[in-house]
Protein backbone atom coordinates (compact mmCIF):
# COMPACT_ATOMS: atom_id res chain seq x y z
CA MET A 1 0.00 0.00 0.00
CA GLY A 2 1.31 3.43 -0.90
CA LEU A 3 0.98 6.77 0.80
CA GLY A 4 -2.26 8.66 1.25
CA ILE A 5 -2.12 12.41 0.78
CA THR A 6 -4.71 14.76 2.25
CA ILE A 7 -5.24 18.45 2.53
CA MET A 8 -6.79 19.68 5.77
CA ASP A 9 -8.08 23.02 6.93
CA CYS A 10 -7.03 24.72 10.17
CA ASN A 11 -9.60 22.63 12.09
CA ARG A 12 -8.03 19.40 10.72
CA LYS A 13 -11.09 18.76 8.56
CA VAL A 14 -10.03 16.67 5.54
CA LEU A 15 -10.85 18.58 2.36
CA THR A 16 -9.40 16.28 -0.30
CA THR A 17 -7.59 12.95 -0.37
CA ILE A 18 -5.38 11.34 -3.01
CA ASP A 19 -4.11 7.78 -2.68
CA ASP A 20 -1.10 6.14 -4.24
CA PRO A 21 -2.30 2.49 -4.30
CA LYS A 22 0.44 1.42 -6.73
CA ASN A 23 3.14 2.98 -4.53
CA PHE A 24 4.56 5.17 -7.31
CA LEU A 25 5.85 7.75 -4.85
CA HIS A 26 8.18 5.23 -3.23
CA ARG A 27 10.21 5.20 -6.44
CA LEU A 28 9.84 8.91 -7.25
CA LEU A 29 10.60 10.50 -3.89
CA PRO A 30 14.07 10.64 -2.37
CA PRO A 31 14.74 8.08 0.35
CA ALA A 32 13.71 9.13 3.85
CA ASN A 33 16.73 10.71 5.50
CA GLU A 34 16.81 12.68 8.73
CA GLU A 35 20.05 14.41 7.81
CA SER A 36 18.98 15.54 4.34
CA GLU A 37 18.06 19.17 3.74
CA SER A 38 15.26 18.06 1.41
CA LEU A 39 11.69 18.37 2.67
CA LEU A 40 10.67 15.46 0.47
CA ALA A 41 13.26 13.27 2.21
CA LYS A 42 11.38 13.91 5.47
CA ILE A 43 8.27 12.02 4.33
CA ASP A 44 7.81 9.06 6.66
CA TRP A 45 6.69 5.91 4.83
CA TYR A 46 5.36 4.35 8.03
CA GLY A 47 3.94 7.34 9.88
CA ASP A 48 2.30 10.67 9.19
CA THR A 49 4.16 13.71 7.85
CA TYR A 50 2.66 17.19 7.94
CA PHE A 51 3.63 20.25 5.90
CA ASN A 52 2.06 23.64 6.53
CA TYR A 53 1.44 26.46 4.08
CA LEU A 54 4.65 28.22 5.11
CA GLN A 55 6.67 25.24 3.85
CA MET A 56 4.92 25.03 0.48
CA LYS A 57 7.25 27.33 -1.46
CA ARG A 58 10.22 25.06 -0.71
CA PHE A 59 8.09 21.91 -1.01
CA LEU A 60 6.87 22.94 -4.47
CA ALA A 61 10.39 23.83 -5.62
CA GLU A 62 11.48 20.28 -4.77
CA TRP A 63 8.26 18.75 -6.15
CA GLU A 64 8.87 20.39 -9.54
CA GLN A 65 11.76 17.96 -10.08
CA LEU A 66 9.54 14.86 -9.85
CA PRO A 67 7.83 14.99 -13.28
CA GLU A 68 11.16 14.33 -14.99
CA ARG A 69 11.48 11.10 -12.99
CA THR A 70 8.05 9.77 -13.99
CA GLN A 71 7.85 6.93 -16.50
CA VAL A 72 4.13 6.34 -17.09
CA PRO A 73 1.06 8.60 -17.42
CA GLU A 74 -0.34 7.40 -14.07
CA GLU A 75 2.77 8.67 -12.29
CA ARG A 76 2.58 12.03 -14.07
CA THR A 77 -1.10 12.36 -13.10
CA LEU A 78 -0.38 11.54 -9.46
CA VAL A 79 2.50 14.03 -9.28
CA ALA A 80 0.36 16.74 -10.92
CA ASN A 81 -2.57 16.10 -8.58
CA ILE A 82 -0.38 16.30 -5.47
CA ARG A 83 1.17 19.50 -6.84
CA SER A 84 -2.36 20.93 -7.08
CA LEU A 85 -2.99 20.03 -3.45
CA ALA A 86 0.27 21.72 -2.43
CA ILE A 87 -0.70 24.90 -4.28
CA ARG A 88 -4.11 24.83 -2.62
CA CYS A 89 -2.40 24.34 0.73
CA GLN A 90 -0.21 27.37 0.09
CA ASN A 91 -3.01 29.60 -1.16
CA ASP A 92 -5.63 28.67 1.42
CA ARG A 93 -3.25 28.31 4.39
CA ASN A 94 -4.00 24.64 4.85
CA VAL A 95 -1.99 21.58 5.90
CA LEU A 96 -0.72 18.90 3.52
CA LYS A 97 -0.49 15.48 5.18
CA PHE A 98 1.25 12.36 3.90
CA ILE A 99 -0.13 9.23 5.57
CA GLY A 100 2.19 6.23 5.72
CA ASP A 101 1.19 2.68 6.51
């Protein structure tokens, strides 16, 4: 099972959810690494990872590198949809949550 990605408002109400049932992100994202400067390397595959709207500028800058790593249309669609959630998070001052298993 892959990650679940949600966007939540300030009251932690889930607004939208995207799932990665084929676990594409595991191949596309950098490996989890505490010592890395990358925000994407902080995503926990087995727990929950939260990013707030203040982190979205840096998050999106890193996310923009993922489309070049995609190999199939499903991966490109997933990456684009999560990018849309990140932009919504930034614009509406929400929280982007990655849910590990």
